[in-house]
């Protein structure tokens, strides 16, 4: 699975849009595999998309969506929305009260999906726009 995630992420990072930036892609994927929950959409052994999220802050009861990538050939099929909705249900069932995510300000599609799914803009950190949703 790591190689499929690597290939899809590498495709998106190198699409020259500048929307996805990862310094050490191999290390980042290792971190996701080790510490995050990963949901995938597969079709005939091809990775169509995946979402990685953290469900480990049981003190503050806040989950965090780290990465959502959909293969460009399957855009507009609702995969992104369904992956996020699944993660939100899972976090809620695990007792989390909120979910946060950070989005590149130039990634208008990601900003719009956050708004459509009921995330509220919370402000900006050093690099990203921060969104949060009550579960």
N, C-alpha and C. Protein backbone atom coordinates (compact mmCIF):
# COMPACT_ATOMS: atom_id res chain seq x y z
N UNK A 1 0.83 -1.20 0.00
CA UNK A 1 0.00 0.00 0.00
C UNK A 1 0.87 1.26 0.00
N UNK A 2 2.03 1.19 0.68
CA UNK A 2 2.89 2.37 0.76
C UNK A 2 3.27 2.85 -0.65
N UNK A 3 3.60 1.94 -1.53
CA UNK A 3 4.02 2.35 -2.87
C UNK A 3 2.87 3.01 -3.63
N UNK A 4 1.65 2.53 -3.43
CA UNK A 4 0.49 3.13 -4.10
C UNK A 4 0.24 4.55 -3.56
N UNK A 5 0.34 4.72 -2.24
CA UNK A 5 0.18 6.04 -1.65
C UNK A 5 1.29 6.97 -2.14
N UNK A 6 2.52 6.46 -2.16
CA UNK A 6 3.66 7.25 -2.64
C UNK A 6 3.43 7.72 -4.07
N UNK A 7 3.02 6.81 -4.93
CA UNK A 7 2.82 7.16 -6.34
C UNK A 7 1.74 8.23 -6.51
N UNK A 8 0.62 8.09 -5.79
CA UNK A 8 -0.46 9.06 -5.91
C UNK A 8 -0.04 10.41 -5.34
N UNK A 9 0.61 10.41 -4.18
CA UNK A 9 1.06 11.67 -3.59
C UNK A 9 2.12 12.33 -4.47
N UNK A 10 3.03 11.55 -4.99
CA UNK A 10 4.08 12.08 -5.85
C UNK A 10 3.48 12.72 -7.10
N UNK A 11 2.45 12.10 -7.65
CA UNK A 11 1.75 12.66 -8.81
C UNK A 11 1.19 14.04 -8.47
N UNK A 12 0.56 14.16 -7.31
CA UNK A 12 -0.06 15.42 -6.93
C UNK A 12 0.97 16.48 -6.56
N UNK A 13 2.05 16.08 -5.93
CA UNK A 13 3.08 17.05 -5.54
C UNK A 13 3.78 17.61 -6.77
N UNK A 14 3.96 16.78 -7.76
CA UNK A 14 4.69 17.19 -8.95
C UNK A 14 3.80 17.68 -10.09
N UNK A 15 2.57 18.06 -9.78
CA UNK A 15 1.67 18.53 -10.85
C UNK A 15 1.87 20.01 -11.17
N UNK A 16 2.84 20.63 -10.52
CA UNK A 16 3.22 22.03 -10.75
C UNK A 16 2.18 23.04 -10.27
N UNK A 17 1.15 22.59 -9.54
CA UNK A 17 0.17 23.53 -9.02
C UNK A 17 0.67 24.21 -7.75
N UNK A 18 1.58 23.55 -7.04
CA UNK A 18 2.08 24.09 -5.78
C UNK A 18 1.12 23.92 -4.63
N UNK A 19 0.03 23.19 -4.84
CA UNK A 19 -0.97 23.02 -3.79
C UNK A 19 -0.56 22.01 -2.73
N UNK A 20 0.25 21.03 -3.13
CA UNK A 20 0.70 20.01 -2.20
C UNK A 20 2.21 20.13 -2.07
N UNK A 21 2.67 20.26 -0.84
CA UNK A 21 4.10 20.36 -0.59
C UNK A 21 4.46 19.43 0.56
N UNK A 22 5.41 18.56 0.32
CA UNK A 22 5.91 17.68 1.36
C UNK A 22 7.42 17.62 1.20
N UNK A 23 8.15 17.97 2.25
CA UNK A 23 9.60 17.96 2.18
C UNK A 23 10.17 16.58 1.96
N UNK A 24 9.89 15.69 2.89
CA UNK A 24 10.40 14.32 2.83
C UNK A 24 9.21 13.39 2.64
N UNK A 25 8.86 13.12 1.40
CA UNK A 25 7.66 12.35 1.10
C UNK A 25 7.71 10.96 1.71
N UNK A 26 8.83 10.28 1.58
CA UNK A 26 8.96 8.93 2.13
C UNK A 26 8.76 8.93 3.64
N UNK A 27 9.38 9.88 4.34
CA UNK A 27 9.23 9.97 5.79
C UNK A 27 7.82 10.33 6.20
N UNK A 28 7.18 11.21 5.42
CA UNK A 28 5.81 11.61 5.73
C UNK A 28 4.86 10.42 5.60
N UNK A 29 5.03 9.64 4.55
CA UNK A 29 4.17 8.47 4.35
C UNK A 29 4.41 7.45 5.46
N UNK A 30 5.66 7.25 5.85
CA UNK A 30 5.96 6.35 6.97
C UNK A 30 5.24 6.80 8.24
N UNK A 31 5.26 8.11 8.49
CA UNK A 31 4.58 8.66 9.67
C UNK A 31 3.08 8.41 9.60
N UNK A 32 2.49 8.64 8.41
CA UNK A 32 1.05 8.39 8.27
C UNK A 32 0.73 6.93 8.52
N UNK A 33 1.50 6.03 7.93
CA UNK A 33 1.23 4.60 8.08
C UNK A 33 1.37 4.18 9.54
N UNK A 34 2.33 4.75 10.25
CA UNK A 34 2.57 4.37 11.64
C UNK A 34 1.56 4.97 12.61
N UNK A 35 1.14 6.23 12.39
CA UNK A 35 0.37 6.93 13.41
C UNK A 35 -1.04 7.35 13.03
N UNK A 36 -1.35 7.36 11.75
CA UNK A 36 -2.65 7.88 11.32
C UNK A 36 -3.60 6.74 10.96
N UNK A 37 -4.87 7.08 10.91
CA UNK A 37 -5.88 6.19 10.34
C UNK A 37 -5.91 6.52 8.85
N UNK A 38 -5.89 5.50 8.01
CA UNK A 38 -5.89 5.72 6.57
C UNK A 38 -7.07 4.98 5.95
N UNK A 39 -7.86 5.71 5.17
CA UNK A 39 -8.99 5.13 4.46
C UNK A 39 -8.66 5.24 2.97
N UNK A 40 -8.87 4.16 2.25
CA UNK A 40 -8.55 4.18 0.82
C UNK A 40 -9.77 3.85 -0.02
N UNK A 41 -9.72 4.29 -1.26
CA UNK A 41 -10.69 3.87 -2.27
C UNK A 41 -9.88 3.20 -3.37
N UNK A 42 -10.19 1.93 -3.59
CA UNK A 42 -9.46 1.13 -4.57
C UNK A 42 -10.42 0.70 -5.67
N UNK A 43 -9.88 0.57 -6.87
CA UNK A 43 -10.64 0.01 -7.99
C UNK A 43 -9.69 -0.84 -8.80
N UNK A 44 -9.95 -2.13 -8.83
CA UNK A 44 -9.13 -3.08 -9.59
C UNK A 44 -7.64 -2.90 -9.26
N UNK A 45 -7.34 -2.88 -7.97
CA UNK A 45 -5.98 -2.78 -7.45
C UNK A 45 -5.31 -1.43 -7.70
N UNK A 46 -6.07 -0.44 -8.14
CA UNK A 46 -5.53 0.90 -8.33
C UNK A 46 -6.07 1.82 -7.23
N UNK A 47 -5.19 2.58 -6.61
CA UNK A 47 -5.60 3.52 -5.58
C UNK A 47 -6.24 4.73 -6.23
N UNK A 48 -7.53 4.94 -5.95
CA UNK A 48 -8.28 6.07 -6.50
C UNK A 48 -8.18 7.30 -5.60
N UNK A 49 -7.97 7.06 -4.33
CA UNK A 49 -7.87 8.16 -3.39
C UNK A 49 -7.67 7.64 -1.99
N UNK A 50 -7.21 8.53 -1.10
CA UNK A 50 -7.07 8.15 0.30
C UNK A 50 -7.18 9.38 1.18
N UNK A 51 -7.51 9.12 2.42
CA UNK A 51 -7.58 10.15 3.45
C UNK A 51 -6.82 9.63 4.66
N UNK A 52 -5.97 10.47 5.22
CA UNK A 52 -5.25 10.12 6.45
C UNK A 52 -5.68 11.10 7.53
N UNK A 53 -6.02 10.56 8.70
CA UNK A 53 -6.44 11.42 9.81
C UNK A 53 -5.94 10.84 11.11
N UNK A 54 -5.82 11.73 12.08
CA UNK A 54 -5.32 11.34 13.40
C UNK A 54 -6.48 11.30 14.39
N UNK A 55 -6.52 10.24 15.14
CA UNK A 55 -7.52 10.05 16.19
C UNK A 55 -6.76 9.68 17.46
N UNK A 56 -5.89 10.61 17.91
CA UNK A 56 -5.04 10.28 19.04
C UNK A 56 -5.02 11.33 20.15
N UNK A 57 -5.75 12.43 20.00
CA UNK A 57 -5.80 13.45 21.04
C UNK A 57 -7.05 13.24 21.89
N UNK A 58 -6.95 12.23 22.77
CA UNK A 58 -8.10 11.89 23.61
C UNK A 58 -8.30 12.87 24.75
N UNK A 59 -7.29 13.66 25.07
CA UNK A 59 -7.42 14.66 26.13
C UNK A 59 -8.33 15.79 25.67
N UNK A 60 -8.03 16.36 24.51
CA UNK A 60 -8.83 17.47 23.98
C UNK A 60 -9.99 17.01 23.11
N UNK A 61 -10.00 15.72 22.78
CA UNK A 61 -11.04 15.11 21.95
C UNK A 61 -11.15 15.80 20.59
N UNK A 62 -9.98 16.03 19.98
CA UNK A 62 -9.91 16.69 18.69
C UNK A 62 -9.18 15.77 17.70
N UNK A 63 -9.86 15.44 16.61
CA UNK A 63 -9.23 14.69 15.54
C UNK A 63 -8.62 15.66 14.54
N UNK A 64 -7.81 15.14 13.65
CA UNK A 64 -7.14 16.01 12.68
C UNK A 64 -7.02 15.31 11.34
N UNK A 65 -7.61 15.91 10.31
CA UNK A 65 -7.45 15.38 8.95
C UNK A 65 -6.14 15.94 8.39
N UNK A 66 -5.25 15.03 8.06
CA UNK A 66 -3.91 15.41 7.63
C UNK A 66 -3.78 15.49 6.12
N UNK A 67 -4.36 14.55 5.41
CA UNK A 67 -4.13 14.50 3.96
C UNK A 67 -5.32 13.85 3.27
N UNK A 68 -5.78 14.48 2.21
CA UNK A 68 -6.82 13.93 1.35
C UNK A 68 -6.33 14.09 -0.08
N UNK A 69 -6.18 12.98 -0.77
CA UNK A 69 -5.75 13.04 -2.17
C UNK A 69 -6.63 12.11 -2.99
N UNK A 70 -7.11 12.65 -4.08
CA UNK A 70 -7.94 11.89 -5.02
C UNK A 70 -7.23 11.90 -6.37
N UNK A 71 -7.16 10.75 -7.01
CA UNK A 71 -6.55 10.66 -8.33
C UNK A 71 -7.30 11.60 -9.28
N UNK A 72 -6.57 12.43 -10.04
CA UNK A 72 -7.23 13.38 -10.93
C UNK A 72 -8.21 12.72 -11.91
N UNK A 73 -7.99 11.47 -12.26
CA UNK A 73 -8.89 10.80 -13.21
C UNK A 73 -10.24 10.47 -12.59
N UNK A 74 -10.36 10.57 -11.28
CA UNK A 74 -11.64 10.25 -10.62
C UNK A 74 -12.25 11.45 -9.92
N UNK A 75 -11.77 12.64 -10.24
CA UNK A 75 -12.33 13.85 -9.63
C UNK A 75 -13.81 13.97 -9.97
N UNK A 76 -14.53 14.63 -9.08
CA UNK A 76 -15.95 14.93 -9.24
C UNK A 76 -16.83 13.68 -9.16
N UNK A 77 -16.32 12.65 -8.49
CA UNK A 77 -17.12 11.44 -8.29
C UNK A 77 -17.59 11.34 -6.83
N UNK A 78 -17.28 12.34 -6.02
CA UNK A 78 -17.71 12.35 -4.63
C UNK A 78 -16.81 11.58 -3.69
N UNK A 79 -15.67 11.10 -4.16
CA UNK A 79 -14.78 10.30 -3.31
C UNK A 79 -14.25 11.11 -2.12
N UNK A 80 -13.84 12.34 -2.37
CA UNK A 80 -13.30 13.17 -1.30
C UNK A 80 -14.32 13.39 -0.20
N UNK A 81 -15.52 13.76 -0.59
CA UNK A 81 -16.60 13.99 0.39
C UNK A 81 -16.88 12.73 1.19
N UNK A 82 -16.97 11.60 0.50
CA UNK A 82 -17.27 10.35 1.20
C UNK A 82 -16.16 9.94 2.17
N UNK A 83 -14.92 10.16 1.78
CA UNK A 83 -13.81 9.83 2.68
C UNK A 83 -13.85 10.71 3.93
N UNK A 84 -14.09 12.00 3.74
CA UNK A 84 -14.16 12.91 4.90
C UNK A 84 -15.35 12.54 5.79
N UNK A 85 -16.49 12.27 5.20
CA UNK A 85 -17.67 11.91 6.00
C UNK A 85 -17.42 10.63 6.80
N UNK A 86 -16.74 9.66 6.21
CA UNK A 86 -16.41 8.42 6.92
C UNK A 86 -15.50 8.73 8.11
N UNK A 87 -14.48 9.54 7.89
CA UNK A 87 -13.55 9.89 8.97
C UNK A 87 -14.27 10.62 10.10
N UNK A 88 -15.17 11.54 9.75
CA UNK A 88 -15.90 12.29 10.77
C UNK A 88 -16.79 11.36 11.60
N UNK A 89 -17.46 10.41 10.94
CA UNK A 89 -18.28 9.44 11.68
C UNK A 89 -17.42 8.59 12.60
N UNK A 90 -16.27 8.15 12.10
CA UNK A 90 -15.37 7.34 12.91
C UNK A 90 -14.88 8.11 14.13
N UNK A 91 -14.48 9.36 13.93
CA UNK A 91 -14.03 10.18 15.05
C UNK A 91 -15.15 10.36 16.08
N UNK A 92 -16.34 10.63 15.61
CA UNK A 92 -17.48 10.80 16.50
C UNK A 92 -17.75 9.52 17.31
N UNK A 93 -17.70 8.37 16.65
CA UNK A 93 -17.93 7.10 17.34
C UNK A 93 -16.84 6.82 18.37
N UNK A 94 -15.65 7.36 18.17
CA UNK A 94 -14.54 7.18 19.10
C UNK A 94 -14.57 8.20 20.24
N UNK A 95 -15.57 9.07 20.25
CA UNK A 95 -15.73 10.02 21.34
C UNK A 95 -15.10 11.38 21.10
N UNK A 96 -14.63 11.63 19.91
CA UNK A 96 -14.06 12.95 19.61
C UNK A 96 -15.18 13.96 19.44
N UNK A 97 -14.90 15.20 19.83
CA UNK A 97 -15.90 16.25 19.78
C UNK A 97 -15.69 17.23 18.62
N UNK A 98 -14.45 17.28 18.12
CA UNK A 98 -14.12 18.21 17.04
C UNK A 98 -13.16 17.54 16.08
N UNK A 99 -13.11 18.09 14.89
CA UNK A 99 -12.11 17.68 13.90
C UNK A 99 -11.55 18.94 13.27
N UNK A 100 -10.24 18.99 13.15
CA UNK A 100 -9.56 20.13 12.52
C UNK A 100 -8.84 19.67 11.26
N UNK A 101 -8.57 20.62 10.41
CA UNK A 101 -7.72 20.39 9.26
C UNK A 101 -7.07 21.71 8.88
N UNK A 102 -5.98 21.61 8.14
CA UNK A 102 -5.28 22.78 7.64
C UNK A 102 -5.20 22.67 6.13
N UNK A 103 -5.43 23.80 5.45
CA UNK A 103 -5.52 23.80 4.00
C UNK A 103 -4.68 24.94 3.44
N UNK A 104 -3.95 24.66 2.38
CA UNK A 104 -3.22 25.69 1.66
C UNK A 104 -4.24 26.72 1.16
N UNK A 105 -3.99 28.00 1.41
CA UNK A 105 -4.94 29.05 1.04
C UNK A 105 -5.20 29.08 -0.47
N UNK A 106 -4.26 28.63 -1.26
CA UNK A 106 -4.42 28.62 -2.72
C UNK A 106 -5.23 27.42 -3.22
N UNK A 107 -5.49 26.46 -2.34
CA UNK A 107 -6.21 25.26 -2.73
C UNK A 107 -7.71 25.50 -2.58
N UNK A 108 -8.26 26.19 -3.54
CA UNK A 108 -9.67 26.60 -3.49
C UNK A 108 -10.60 25.40 -3.40
N UNK A 109 -10.28 24.30 -4.08
CA UNK A 109 -11.13 23.11 -4.02
C UNK A 109 -11.20 22.57 -2.60
N UNK A 110 -10.07 22.52 -1.91
CA UNK A 110 -10.05 22.02 -0.53
C UNK A 110 -10.79 22.97 0.41
N UNK A 111 -10.61 24.26 0.21
CA UNK A 111 -11.33 25.25 1.03
C UNK A 111 -12.83 25.06 0.84
N UNK A 112 -13.26 24.89 -0.40
CA UNK A 112 -14.69 24.73 -0.68
C UNK A 112 -15.25 23.44 -0.11
N UNK A 113 -14.48 22.35 -0.17
CA UNK A 113 -14.99 21.09 0.40
C UNK A 113 -15.11 21.22 1.92
N UNK A 114 -14.19 21.94 2.54
CA UNK A 114 -14.31 22.16 3.99
C UNK A 114 -15.60 22.90 4.31
N UNK A 115 -15.86 23.94 3.57
CA UNK A 115 -17.08 24.72 3.81
C UNK A 115 -18.33 23.90 3.55
N UNK A 116 -18.35 23.15 2.44
CA UNK A 116 -19.53 22.32 2.12
C UNK A 116 -19.80 21.27 3.18
N UNK A 117 -18.74 20.78 3.82
CA UNK A 117 -18.91 19.74 4.83
C UNK A 117 -19.11 20.30 6.24
N UNK A 118 -19.30 21.60 6.34
CA UNK A 118 -19.64 22.20 7.63
C UNK A 118 -18.47 22.59 8.50
N UNK A 119 -17.28 22.63 7.95
CA UNK A 119 -16.13 23.11 8.71
C UNK A 119 -16.20 24.63 8.78
N UNK A 120 -15.75 25.17 9.89
CA UNK A 120 -15.74 26.61 10.11
C UNK A 120 -14.31 27.11 10.04
N UNK A 121 -14.11 28.21 9.36
CA UNK A 121 -12.78 28.83 9.28
C UNK A 121 -12.42 29.37 10.66
N UNK A 122 -11.25 28.96 11.16
CA UNK A 122 -10.82 29.36 12.51
C UNK A 122 -9.70 30.39 12.49
N UNK A 123 -9.08 30.59 11.35
CA UNK A 123 -7.97 31.53 11.27
C UNK A 123 -6.84 30.93 10.46
N UNK A 124 -5.70 31.57 10.57
CA UNK A 124 -4.56 31.15 9.78
C UNK A 124 -3.37 30.95 10.71
N UNK A 125 -2.63 29.87 10.50
CA UNK A 125 -1.37 29.72 11.22
C UNK A 125 -0.27 30.23 10.31
N UNK A 126 0.96 29.86 10.54
CA UNK A 126 2.08 30.38 9.74
C UNK A 126 1.90 30.15 8.25
N UNK A 127 1.31 29.03 7.87
CA UNK A 127 1.28 28.64 6.46
C UNK A 127 -0.14 28.40 5.95
N UNK A 128 -0.99 27.79 6.76
CA UNK A 128 -2.26 27.24 6.28
C UNK A 128 -3.47 27.93 6.91
N UNK A 129 -4.60 27.78 6.22
CA UNK A 129 -5.89 28.14 6.78
C UNK A 129 -6.33 26.99 7.67
N UNK A 130 -6.88 27.30 8.84
CA UNK A 130 -7.29 26.28 9.79
C UNK A 130 -8.82 26.23 9.81
N UNK A 131 -9.36 25.03 9.68
CA UNK A 131 -10.79 24.79 9.72
C UNK A 131 -11.10 23.80 10.83
N UNK A 132 -12.31 23.93 11.40
CA UNK A 132 -12.72 23.03 12.47
C UNK A 132 -14.20 22.71 12.31
N UNK A 133 -14.54 21.50 12.71
CA UNK A 133 -15.95 21.07 12.66
C UNK A 133 -16.30 20.42 13.99
N UNK A 134 -17.44 20.81 14.55
CA UNK A 134 -17.98 20.17 15.73
C UNK A 134 -18.59 18.84 15.29
N UNK A 135 -18.32 17.79 16.03
CA UNK A 135 -18.86 16.48 15.69
C UNK A 135 -20.12 16.19 16.49
